[in-house]
Amino acid sequence: MEIIKTIELMQEVSEKWRRDGNIISFVPTMGFLHQGHIELLRVGREKGDRLIMSIFVNPTQFGPKEDYEKYPRDTGGDLNNARSAGVDAVFMPTVEEMYPEG
């Protein structure tokens, strides 16, 4: 399982897979996976040739009174679950990667 942290590399990998004729399933998450995520990964694995999962806690999804910093995270557990589900690549960008202008 490949862990990808940049948009550029994620684009390169997915474009190569498409050129090779693969159907790509994508499961976006904010991490802290639960059984619903696991089921989505199972279906994605079943339907596609390649399975990508993202883990990105987007600060823009939190209001001024919501605490982005306290959102639960379990990266190790999430990666173990992804590996068990047969995920080919996990896209884990930083906030700075996604929002370089701030």
PDB file of N, CA and C in Angstrom:
ATOM      1  N   MET A   1       0.856  -1.171   0.000  1.00  0.00           N
ATOM      2  CA  MET A   1       0.000   0.000   0.000  1.00  0.00           C
ATOM      3  C   MET A   1       0.901   1.232   0.000  1.00  0.00           C
ATOM      4  N   GLU A   2       0.619   2.122  -0.912  1.00  0.00           N
ATOM      5  CA  GLU A   2       1.414   3.343  -1.047  1.00  0.00           C
ATOM      6  C   GLU A   2       0.745   4.486  -0.289  1.00  0.00           C
ATOM      7  N   ILE A   3       1.533   5.235   0.460  1.00  0.00           N
ATOM      8  CA  ILE A   3       1.033   6.427   1.146  1.00  0.00           C
ATOM      9  C   ILE A   3       1.532   7.631   0.361  1.00  0.00           C
ATOM     10  N   ILE A   4       0.584   8.440  -0.102  1.00  0.00           N
ATOM     11  CA  ILE A   4       0.886   9.568  -0.983  1.00  0.00           C
ATOM     12  C   ILE A   4       0.521  10.859  -0.259  1.00  0.00           C
ATOM     13  N   LYS A   5       1.461  11.794  -0.230  1.00  0.00           N
ATOM     14  CA  LYS A   5       1.232  13.027   0.521  1.00  0.00           C
ATOM     15  C   LYS A   5       1.161  14.283  -0.332  1.00  0.00           C
ATOM     16  N   THR A   6       1.406  14.145  -1.645  1.00  0.00           N
ATOM     17  CA  THR A   6       1.343  15.338  -2.493  1.00  0.00           C
ATOM     18  C   THR A   6       0.297  15.160  -3.597  1.00  0.00           C
ATOM     19  N   ILE A   7      -0.292  16.273  -3.979  1.00  0.00           N
ATOM     20  CA  ILE A   7      -1.276  16.269  -5.061  1.00  0.00           C
ATOM     21  C   ILE A   7      -0.616  15.803  -6.353  1.00  0.00           C
ATOM     22  N   GLU A   8       0.588  16.295  -6.600  1.00  0.00           N
ATOM     23  CA  GLU A   8       1.290  15.949  -7.834  1.00  0.00           C
ATOM     24  C   GLU A   8       1.495  14.434  -7.959  1.00  0.00           C
ATOM     25  N   LEU A   9       1.968  13.793  -6.901  1.00  0.00           N
ATOM     26  CA  LEU A   9       2.189  12.348  -6.967  1.00  0.00           C
ATOM     27  C   LEU A   9       0.863  11.596  -7.080  1.00  0.00           C
ATOM     28  N   MET A  10      -0.178  12.068  -6.395  1.00  0.00           N
ATOM     29  CA  MET A  10      -1.482  11.408  -6.498  1.00  0.00           C
ATOM     30  C   MET A  10      -1.984  11.474  -7.927  1.00  0.00           C
ATOM     31  N   GLN A  11      -1.806  12.619  -8.588  1.00  0.00           N
ATOM     32  CA  GLN A  11      -2.209  12.750  -9.985  1.00  0.00           C
ATOM     33  C   GLN A  11      -1.407  11.807 -10.876  1.00  0.00           C
ATOM     34  N   GLU A  12      -0.105  11.741 -10.658  1.00  0.00           N
ATOM     35  CA  GLU A  12       0.742  10.859 -11.470  1.00  0.00           C
ATOM     36  C   GLU A  12       0.327   9.398 -11.331  1.00  0.00           C
ATOM     37  N   VAL A  13       0.120   8.956 -10.105  1.00  0.00           N
ATOM     38  CA  VAL A  13      -0.249   7.556  -9.855  1.00  0.00           C
ATOM     39  C   VAL A  13      -1.602   7.240 -10.478  1.00  0.00           C
ATOM     40  N   SER A  14      -2.590   8.094 -10.234  1.00  0.00           N
ATOM     41  CA  SER A  14      -3.929   7.807 -10.760  1.00  0.00           C
ATOM     42  C   SER A  14      -3.956   7.886 -12.287  1.00  0.00           C
ATOM     43  N   GLU A  15      -3.227   8.825 -12.873  1.00  0.00           N
ATOM     44  CA  GLU A  15      -3.171   8.909 -14.338  1.00  0.00           C
ATOM     45  C   GLU A  15      -2.523   7.667 -14.935  1.00  0.00           C
ATOM     46  N   LYS A  16      -1.468   7.162 -14.305  1.00  0.00           N
ATOM     47  CA  LYS A  16      -0.830   5.932 -14.788  1.00  0.00           C
ATOM     48  C   LYS A  16      -1.799   4.759 -14.714  1.00  0.00           C
ATOM     49  N   TRP A  17      -2.502   4.633 -13.601  1.00  0.00           N
ATOM     50  CA  TRP A  17      -3.468   3.537 -13.464  1.00  0.00           C
ATOM     51  C   TRP A  17      -4.552   3.626 -14.531  1.00  0.00           C
ATOM     52  N   ARG A  18      -5.039   4.835 -14.803  1.00  0.00           N
ATOM     53  CA  ARG A  18      -6.062   4.991 -15.850  1.00  0.00           C
ATOM     54  C   ARG A  18      -5.497   4.642 -17.222  1.00  0.00           C
ATOM     55  N   ARG A  19      -4.298   5.111 -17.512  1.00  0.00           N
ATOM     56  CA  ARG A  19      -3.658   4.770 -18.800  1.00  0.00           C
ATOM     57  C   ARG A  19      -3.511   3.260 -18.959  1.00  0.00           C
ATOM     58  N   ASP A  20      -3.270   2.578 -17.859  1.00  0.00           N
ATOM     59  CA  ASP A  20      -3.129   1.118 -17.888  1.00  0.00           C
ATOM     60  C   ASP A  20      -4.480   0.407 -17.976  1.00  0.00           C
ATOM     61  N   GLY A  21      -5.571   1.187 -18.045  1.00  0.00           N
ATOM     62  CA  GLY A  21      -6.899   0.613 -18.209  1.00  0.00           C
ATOM     63  C   GLY A  21      -7.600   0.226 -16.923  1.00  0.00           C
ATOM     64  N   ASN A  22      -7.095   0.676 -15.788  1.00  0.00           N
ATOM     65  CA  ASN A  22      -7.706   0.338 -14.502  1.00  0.00           C
ATOM     66  C   ASN A  22      -8.917   1.211 -14.195  1.00  0.00           C
ATOM     67  N   ILE A  23      -9.900   0.615 -13.571  1.00  0.00           N
ATOM     68  CA  ILE A  23     -11.019   1.352 -12.986  1.00  0.00           C
ATOM     69  C   ILE A  23     -10.602   1.685 -11.561  1.00  0.00           C
ATOM     70  N   ILE A  24     -10.684   2.970 -11.204  1.00  0.00           N
ATOM     71  CA  ILE A  24     -10.242   3.418  -9.884  1.00  0.00           C
ATOM     72  C   ILE A  24     -11.456   3.720  -9.017  1.00  0.00           C
ATOM     73  N   SER A  25     -11.496   3.098  -7.851  1.00  0.00           N
ATOM     74  CA  SER A  25     -12.489   3.432  -6.827  1.00  0.00           C
ATOM     75  C   SER A  25     -11.819   4.388  -5.846  1.00  0.00           C
ATOM     76  N   PHE A  26     -12.575   5.406  -5.416  1.00  0.00           N
ATOM     77  CA  PHE A  26     -12.036   6.406  -4.491  1.00  0.00           C
ATOM     78  C   PHE A  26     -12.979   6.562  -3.313  1.00  0.00           C
ATOM     79  N   VAL A  27     -12.442   6.420  -2.113  1.00  0.00           N
ATOM     80  CA  VAL A  27     -13.228   6.582  -0.891  1.00  0.00           C
ATOM     81  C   VAL A  27     -12.605   7.725  -0.082  1.00  0.00           C
ATOM     82  N   PRO A  28     -13.239   8.910  -0.103  1.00  0.00           N
ATOM     83  CA  PRO A  28     -12.718  10.029   0.683  1.00  0.00           C
ATOM     84  C   PRO A  28     -13.157   9.903   2.139  1.00  0.00           C
ATOM     85  N   THR A  29     -12.236  10.158   3.064  1.00  0.00           N
ATOM     86  CA  THR A  29     -12.587  10.111   4.487  1.00  0.00           C
ATOM     87  C   THR A  29     -11.892  11.261   5.211  1.00  0.00           C
ATOM     88  N   MET A  30     -12.339  11.487   6.429  1.00  0.00           N
ATOM     89  CA  MET A  30     -11.641  12.387   7.345  1.00  0.00           C
ATOM     90  C   MET A  30     -10.906  11.556   8.395  1.00  0.00           C
ATOM     91  N   GLY A  31     -10.688  10.286   8.074  1.00  0.00           N
ATOM     92  CA  GLY A  31     -10.008   9.416   9.017  1.00  0.00           C
ATOM     93  C   GLY A  31     -10.939   8.960  10.121  1.00  0.00           C
ATOM     94  N   PHE A  32     -10.342   8.400  11.176  1.00  0.00           N
ATOM     95  CA  PHE A  32     -11.075   7.837  12.309  1.00  0.00           C
ATOM     96  C   PHE A  32     -12.156   6.887  11.787  1.00  0.00           C
ATOM     97  N   LEU A  33     -11.696   5.902  10.995  1.00  0.00           N
ATOM     98  CA  LEU A  33     -12.590   5.009  10.258  1.00  0.00           C
ATOM     99  C   LEU A  33     -13.508   4.219  11.176  1.00  0.00           C
ATOM    100  N   HIS A  34     -14.723   4.007  10.688  1.00  0.00           N
ATOM    101  CA  HIS A  34     -15.706   3.173  11.383  1.00  0.00           C
ATOM    102  C   HIS A  34     -16.214   2.130  10.393  1.00  0.00           C
ATOM    103  N   GLN A  35     -17.141   1.305  10.830  1.00  0.00           N
ATOM    104  CA  GLN A  35     -17.606   0.187  10.009  1.00  0.00           C
ATOM    105  C   GLN A  35     -18.197   0.643   8.673  1.00  0.00           C
ATOM    106  N   GLY A  36     -18.831   1.805   8.639  1.00  0.00           N
ATOM    107  CA  GLY A  36     -19.362   2.320   7.377  1.00  0.00           C
ATOM    108  C   GLY A  36     -18.255   2.573   6.359  1.00  0.00           C
ATOM    109  N   HIS A  37     -17.143   3.129   6.824  1.00  0.00           N
ATOM    110  CA  HIS A  37     -15.995   3.327   5.933  1.00  0.00           C
ATOM    111  C   HIS A  37     -15.464   1.987   5.427  1.00  0.00           C
ATOM    112  N   ILE A  38     -15.376   1.025   6.329  1.00  0.00           N
ATOM    113  CA  ILE A  38     -14.848  -0.295   5.961  1.00  0.00           C
ATOM    114  C   ILE A  38     -15.724  -0.913   4.874  1.00  0.00           C
ATOM    115  N   GLU A  39     -17.031  -0.744   4.995  1.00  0.00           N
ATOM    116  CA  GLU A  39     -17.945  -1.275   3.980  1.00  0.00           C
ATOM    117  C   GLU A  39     -17.748  -0.551   2.648  1.00  0.00           C
ATOM    118  N   LEU A  40     -17.576   0.764   2.684  1.00  0.00           N
ATOM    119  CA  LEU A  40     -17.305   1.503   1.444  1.00  0.00           C
ATOM    120  C   LEU A  40     -16.012   1.018   0.793  1.00  0.00           C
ATOM    121  N   LEU A  41     -14.997   0.754   1.595  1.00  0.00           N
ATOM    122  CA  LEU A  41     -13.742   0.227   1.056  1.00  0.00           C
ATOM    123  C   LEU A  41     -13.949  -1.153   0.447  1.00  0.00           C
ATOM    124  N   ARG A  42     -14.751  -1.980   1.101  1.00  0.00           N
ATOM    125  CA  ARG A  42     -15.024  -3.321   0.577  1.00  0.00           C
ATOM    126  C   ARG A  42     -15.692  -3.232  -0.793  1.00  0.00           C
ATOM    127  N   VAL A  43     -16.698  -2.375  -0.903  1.00  0.00           N
ATOM    128  CA  VAL A  43     -17.406  -2.211  -2.175  1.00  0.00           C
ATOM    129  C   VAL A  43     -16.465  -1.617  -3.228  1.00  0.00           C
ATOM    130  N   GLY A  44     -15.667  -0.637  -2.834  1.00  0.00           N
ATOM    131  CA  GLY A  44     -14.707  -0.052  -3.766  1.00  0.00           C
ATOM    132  C   GLY A  44     -13.717  -1.075  -4.288  1.00  0.00           C
ATOM    133  N   ARG A  45     -13.258  -1.944  -3.421  1.00  0.00           N
ATOM    134  CA  ARG A  45     -12.316  -2.993  -3.818  1.00  0.00           C
ATOM    135  C   ARG A  45     -12.986  -3.954  -4.796  1.00  0.00           C
ATOM    136  N   GLU A  46     -14.256  -4.243  -4.526  1.00  0.00           N
ATOM    137  CA  GLU A  46     -15.029  -5.166  -5.367  1.00  0.00           C
ATOM    138  C   GLU A  46     -15.296  -4.574  -6.754  1.00  0.00           C
ATOM    139  N   LYS A  47     -15.562  -3.287  -6.815  1.00  0.00           N
ATOM    140  CA  LYS A  47     -15.982  -2.649  -8.069  1.00  0.00           C
ATOM    141  C   LYS A  47     -14.825  -2.147  -8.930  1.00  0.00           C
ATOM    142  N   GLY A  48     -13.696  -1.873  -8.319  1.00  0.00           N
ATOM    143  CA  GLY A  48     -12.593  -1.284  -9.076  1.00  0.00           C
ATOM    144  C   GLY A  48     -11.378  -2.186  -9.139  1.00  0.00           C
ATOM    145  N   ASP A  49     -10.479  -1.815 -10.044  1.00  0.00           N
ATOM    146  CA  ASP A  49      -9.198  -2.514 -10.144  1.00  0.00           C
ATOM    147  C   ASP A  49      -8.195  -1.952  -9.145  1.00  0.00           C
ATOM    148  N   ARG A  50      -8.325  -0.678  -8.874  1.00  0.00           N
ATOM    149  CA  ARG A  50      -7.452   0.022  -7.931  1.00  0.00           C
ATOM    150  C   ARG A  50      -8.323   0.771  -6.933  1.00  0.00           C
ATOM    151  N   LEU A  51      -7.878   0.806  -5.682  1.00  0.00           N
ATOM    152  CA  LEU A  51      -8.644   1.451  -4.618  1.00  0.00           C
ATOM    153  C   LEU A  51      -7.786   2.513  -3.934  1.00  0.00           C
ATOM    154  N   ILE A  52      -8.296   3.738  -3.953  1.00  0.00           N
ATOM    155  CA  ILE A  52      -7.640   4.860  -3.282  1.00  0.00           C
ATOM    156  C   ILE A  52      -8.550   5.336  -2.158  1.00  0.00           C
ATOM    157  N   MET A  53      -7.960   5.571  -1.008  1.00  0.00           N
ATOM    158  CA  MET A  53      -8.680   6.170   0.111  1.00  0.00           C
ATOM    159  C   MET A  53      -7.943   7.448   0.489  1.00  0.00           C
ATOM    160  N   SER A  54      -8.684   8.491   0.781  1.00  0.00           N
ATOM    161  CA  SER A  54      -8.031   9.702   1.284  1.00  0.00           C
ATOM    162  C   SER A  54      -8.312   9.838   2.771  1.00  0.00           C
ATOM    163  N   ILE A  55      -7.360  10.435   3.452  1.00  0.00           N
ATOM    164  CA  ILE A  55      -7.535  10.843   4.844  1.00  0.00           C
ATOM    165  C   ILE A  55      -7.152  12.316   4.881  1.00  0.00           C
ATOM    166  N   PHE A  56      -8.154  13.160   5.067  1.00  0.00           N
ATOM    167  CA  PHE A  56      -7.896  14.595   5.138  1.00  0.00           C
ATOM    168  C   PHE A  56      -8.962  15.244   5.998  1.00  0.00           C
ATOM    169  N   VAL A  57      -8.542  15.791   7.120  1.00  0.00           N
ATOM    170  CA  VAL A  57      -9.449  16.545   7.980  1.00  0.00           C
ATOM    171  C   VAL A  57      -9.370  17.989   7.502  1.00  0.00           C
ATOM    172  N   ASN A  58     -10.430  18.406   6.818  1.00  0.00           N
ATOM    173  CA  ASN A  58     -10.454  19.702   6.155  1.00  0.00           C
ATOM    174  C   ASN A  58     -10.878  20.797   7.135  1.00  0.00           C
ATOM    175  N   PRO A  59      -9.984  21.707   7.461  1.00  0.00           N
ATOM    176  CA  PRO A  59     -10.346  22.744   8.430  1.00  0.00           C
ATOM    177  C   PRO A  59     -11.471  23.652   7.951  1.00  0.00           C
ATOM    178  N   THR A  60     -11.681  23.741   6.637  1.00  0.00           N
ATOM    179  CA  THR A  60     -12.752  24.609   6.133  1.00  0.00           C
ATOM    180  C   THR A  60     -14.133  24.027   6.394  1.00  0.00           C
ATOM    181  N   GLN A  61     -14.199  22.770   6.811  1.00  0.00           N
ATOM    182  CA  GLN A  61     -15.487  22.148   7.124  1.00  0.00           C
ATOM    183  C   GLN A  61     -15.918  22.424   8.564  1.00  0.00           C
ATOM    184  N   PHE A  62     -15.096  23.116   9.313  1.00  0.00           N
ATOM    185  CA  PHE A  62     -15.394  23.399  10.708  1.00  0.00           C
ATOM    186  C   PHE A  62     -15.765  24.863  10.855  1.00  0.00           C
ATOM    187  N   GLY A  63     -16.828  25.105  11.601  1.00  0.00           N
ATOM    188  CA  GLY A  63     -17.255  26.468  11.865  1.00  0.00           C
ATOM    189  C   GLY A  63     -16.391  27.109  12.941  1.00  0.00           C
ATOM    190  N   PRO A  64     -16.601  28.413  13.176  1.00  0.00           N
ATOM    191  CA  PRO A  64     -15.770  29.129  14.145  1.00  0.00           C
ATOM    192  C   PRO A  64     -15.889  28.595  15.573  1.00  0.00           C
ATOM    193  N   LYS A  65     -17.004  27.965  15.908  1.00  0.00           N
ATOM    194  CA  LYS A  65     -17.178  27.449  17.272  1.00  0.00           C
ATOM    195  C   LYS A  65     -16.901  25.949  17.354  1.00  0.00           C
ATOM    196  N   GLU A  66     -16.479  25.365  16.231  1.00  0.00           N
ATOM    197  CA  GLU A  66     -16.157  23.943  16.217  1.00  0.00           C
ATOM    198  C   GLU A  66     -14.645  23.790  16.329  1.00  0.00           C
ATOM    199  N   ASP A  67     -14.209  22.735  16.975  1.00  0.00           N
ATOM    200  CA  ASP A  67     -12.786  22.598  17.258  1.00  0.00           C
ATOM    201  C   ASP A  67     -12.109  21.603  16.328  1.00  0.00           C
ATOM    202  N   TYR A  68     -11.509  22.125  15.277  1.00  0.00           N
ATOM    203  CA  TYR A  68     -10.763  21.324  14.307  1.00  0.00           C
ATOM    204  C   TYR A  68      -9.668  20.514  14.999  1.00  0.00           C
ATOM    205  N   GLU A  69      -8.975  21.128  15.930  1.00  0.00           N
ATOM    206  CA  GLU A  69      -7.850  20.466  16.605  1.00  0.00           C
ATOM    207  C   GLU A  69      -8.295  19.258  17.423  1.00  0.00           C
ATOM    208  N   LYS A  70      -9.533  19.248  17.880  1.00  0.00           N
ATOM    209  CA  LYS A  70     -10.012  18.137  18.712  1.00  0.00           C
ATOM    210  C   LYS A  70     -10.694  17.037  17.915  1.00  0.00           C
ATOM    211  N   TYR A  71     -10.760  17.193  16.587  1.00  0.00           N
ATOM    212  CA  TYR A  71     -11.371  16.138  15.774  1.00  0.00           C
ATOM    213  C   TYR A  71     -10.574  14.854  15.995  1.00  0.00           C
ATOM    214  N   PRO A  72     -11.259  13.727  16.256  1.00  0.00           N
ATOM    215  CA  PRO A  72     -10.523  12.488  16.570  1.00  0.00           C
ATOM    216  C   PRO A  72      -9.701  11.988  15.388  1.00  0.00           C
ATOM    217  N   ARG A  73      -8.513  11.528  15.703  1.00  0.00           N
ATOM    218  CA  ARG A  73      -7.609  10.998  14.677  1.00  0.00           C
ATOM    219  C   ARG A  73      -6.979   9.705  15.187  1.00  0.00           C
ATOM    220  N   ASP A  74      -6.821   8.755  14.274  1.00  0.00           N
ATOM    221  CA  ASP A  74      -6.153   7.482  14.586  1.00  0.00           C
ATOM    222  C   ASP A  74      -5.464   7.004  13.312  1.00  0.00           C
ATOM    223  N   THR A  75      -4.412   7.703  12.933  1.00  0.00           N
ATOM    224  CA  THR A  75      -3.757   7.416  11.657  1.00  0.00           C
ATOM    225  C   THR A  75      -3.265   5.978  11.580  1.00  0.00           C
ATOM    226  N   GLY A  76      -2.639   5.489  12.635  1.00  0.00           N
ATOM    227  CA  GLY A  76      -2.146   4.109  12.626  1.00  0.00           C
ATOM    228  C   GLY A  76      -3.265   3.107  12.430  1.00  0.00           C
ATOM    229  N   GLY A  77      -4.352   3.283  13.163  1.00  0.00           N
ATOM    230  CA  GLY A  77      -5.508   2.394  13.012  1.00  0.00           C
ATOM    231  C   GLY A  77      -6.128   2.509  11.634  1.00  0.00           C
ATOM    232  N   ASP A  78      -6.208   3.742  11.120  1.00  0.00           N
ATOM    233  CA  ASP A  78      -6.772   3.947   9.781  1.00  0.00           C
ATOM    234  C   ASP A  78      -5.934   3.246   8.718  1.00  0.00           C
ATOM    235  N   LEU A  79      -4.613   3.353   8.825  1.00  0.00           N
ATOM    236  CA  LEU A  79      -3.743   2.706   7.838  1.00  0.00           C
ATOM    237  C   LEU A  79      -3.826   1.187   7.941  1.00  0.00           C
ATOM    238  N   ASN A  80      -3.932   0.660   9.157  1.00  0.00           N
ATOM    239  CA  ASN A  80      -4.113  -0.788   9.318  1.00  0.00           C
ATOM    240  C   ASN A  80      -5.419  -1.246   8.684  1.00  0.00           C
ATOM    241  N   ASN A  81      -6.493  -0.498   8.912  1.00  0.00           N
ATOM    242  CA  ASN A  81      -7.785  -0.840   8.304  1.00  0.00           C
ATOM    243  C   ASN A  81      -7.717  -0.758   6.789  1.00  0.00           C
ATOM    244  N   ALA A  82      -7.044   0.266   6.279  1.00  0.00           N
ATOM    245  CA  ALA A  82      -6.908   0.423   4.827  1.00  0.00           C
ATOM    246  C   ALA A  82      -6.142  -0.756   4.235  1.00  0.00           C
ATOM    247  N   ARG A  83      -5.059  -1.121   4.882  1.00  0.00           N
ATOM    248  CA  ARG A  83      -4.246  -2.253   4.408  1.00  0.00           C
ATOM    249  C   ARG A  83      -5.083  -3.537   4.404  1.00  0.00           C
ATOM    250  N   SER A  84      -5.826  -3.761   5.473  1.00  0.00           N
ATOM    251  CA  SER A  84      -6.671  -4.958   5.571  1.00  0.00           C
ATOM    252  C   SER A  84      -7.759  -4.978   4.507  1.00  0.00           C
ATOM    253  N   ALA A  85      -8.220  -3.793   4.107  1.00  0.00           N
ATOM    254  CA  ALA A  85      -9.289  -3.698   3.108  1.00  0.00           C
ATOM    255  C   ALA A  85      -8.759  -3.780   1.680  1.00  0.00           C
ATOM    256  N   GLY A  86      -7.450  -3.856   1.520  1.00  0.00           N
ATOM    257  CA  GLY A  86      -6.880  -3.971   0.182  1.00  0.00           C
ATOM    258  C   GLY A  86      -6.711  -2.655  -0.542  1.00  0.00           C
ATOM    259  N   VAL A  87      -6.592  -1.565   0.206  1.00  0.00           N
ATOM    260  CA  VAL A  87      -6.382  -0.254  -0.409  1.00  0.00           C
ATOM    261  C   VAL A  87      -5.012  -0.239  -1.093  1.00  0.00           C
ATOM    262  N   ASP A  88      -4.975   0.289  -2.308  1.00  0.00           N
ATOM    263  CA  ASP A  88      -3.721   0.382  -3.057  1.00  0.00           C
ATOM    264  C   ASP A  88      -2.931   1.633  -2.702  1.00  0.00           C
ATOM    265  N   ALA A  89      -3.641   2.733  -2.461  1.00  0.00           N
ATOM    266  CA  ALA A  89      -2.972   3.996  -2.138  1.00  0.00           C
ATOM    267  C   ALA A  89      -3.828   4.789  -1.169  1.00  0.00           C
ATOM    268  N   VAL A  90      -3.157   5.411  -0.206  1.00  0.00           N
ATOM    269  CA  VAL A  90      -3.819   6.320   0.729  1.00  0.00           C
ATOM    270  C   VAL A  90      -3.271   7.712   0.449  1.00  0.00           C
ATOM    271  N   PHE A  91      -4.180   8.624   0.113  1.00  0.00           N
ATOM    272  CA  PHE A  91      -3.813  10.015  -0.132  1.00  0.00           C
ATOM    273  C   PHE A  91      -3.987  10.768   1.176  1.00  0.00           C
ATOM    274  N   MET A  92      -2.867  11.232   1.744  1.00  0.00           N
ATOM    275  CA  MET A  92      -2.866  11.909   3.042  1.00  0.00           C
ATOM    276  C   MET A  92      -2.168  13.261   2.937  1.00  0.00           C
ATOM    277  N   PRO A  93      -2.787  14.222   2.280  1.00  0.00           N
ATOM    278  CA  PRO A  93      -2.133  15.530   2.149  1.00  0.00           C
ATOM    279  C   PRO A  93      -2.198  16.320   3.453  1.00  0.00           C
ATOM    280  N   THR A  94      -1.276  17.244   3.603  1.00  0.00           N
ATOM    281  CA  THR A  94      -1.337  18.183   4.719  1.00  0.00           C
ATOM    282  C   THR A  94      -2.270  19.331   4.336  1.00  0.00           C
ATOM    283  N   VAL A  95      -2.643  20.121   5.318  1.00  0.00           N
ATOM    284  CA  VAL A  95      -3.450  21.314   5.048  1.00  0.00           C
ATOM    285  C   VAL A  95      -2.672  22.253   4.123  1.00  0.00           C
ATOM    286  N   GLU A  96      -1.370  22.360   4.339  1.00  0.00           N
ATOM    287  CA  GLU A  96      -0.531  23.241   3.516  1.00  0.00           C
ATOM    288  C   GLU A  96      -0.473  22.763   2.067  1.00  0.00           C
ATOM    289  N   GLU A  97      -0.492  21.446   1.873  1.00  0.00           N
ATOM    290  CA  GLU A  97      -0.496  20.899   0.513  1.00  0.00           C
ATOM    291  C   GLU A  97      -1.804  21.248  -0.196  1.00  0.00           C
ATOM    292  N   MET A  98      -2.901  21.130   0.517  1.00  0.00           N
ATOM    293  CA  MET A  98      -4.213  21.384  -0.085  1.00  0.00           C
ATOM    294  C   MET A  98      -4.506  22.875  -0.243  1.00  0.00           C
ATOM    295  N   TYR A  99      -4.007  23.677   0.671  1.00  0.00           N
ATOM    296  CA  TYR A  99      -4.266  25.122   0.659  1.00  0.00           C
ATOM    297  C   TYR A  99      -2.936  25.885   0.744  1.00  0.00           C
ATOM    298  N   PRO A 100      -2.137  25.860  -0.325  1.00  0.00           N
ATOM    299  CA  PRO A 100      -0.814  26.495  -0.253  1.00  0.00           C
ATOM    300  C   PRO A 100      -0.864  28.009  -0.034  1.00  0.00           C
ATOM    301  N   GLU A 101      -1.966  28.615  -0.379  1.00  0.00           N
ATOM    302  CA  GLU A 101      -2.106  30.066  -0.181  1.00  0.00           C
ATOM    303  C   GLU A 101      -2.660  30.398   1.199  1.00  0.00           C
ATOM    304  N   GLY A 102      -2.946  29.370   1.983  1.00  0.00           N
ATOM    305  CA  GLY A 102      -3.473  29.577   3.332  1.00  0.00           C
ATOM    306  C   GLY A 102      -4.967  29.615   3.399  1.00  0.00           C
TER     307      GLY A 102
END
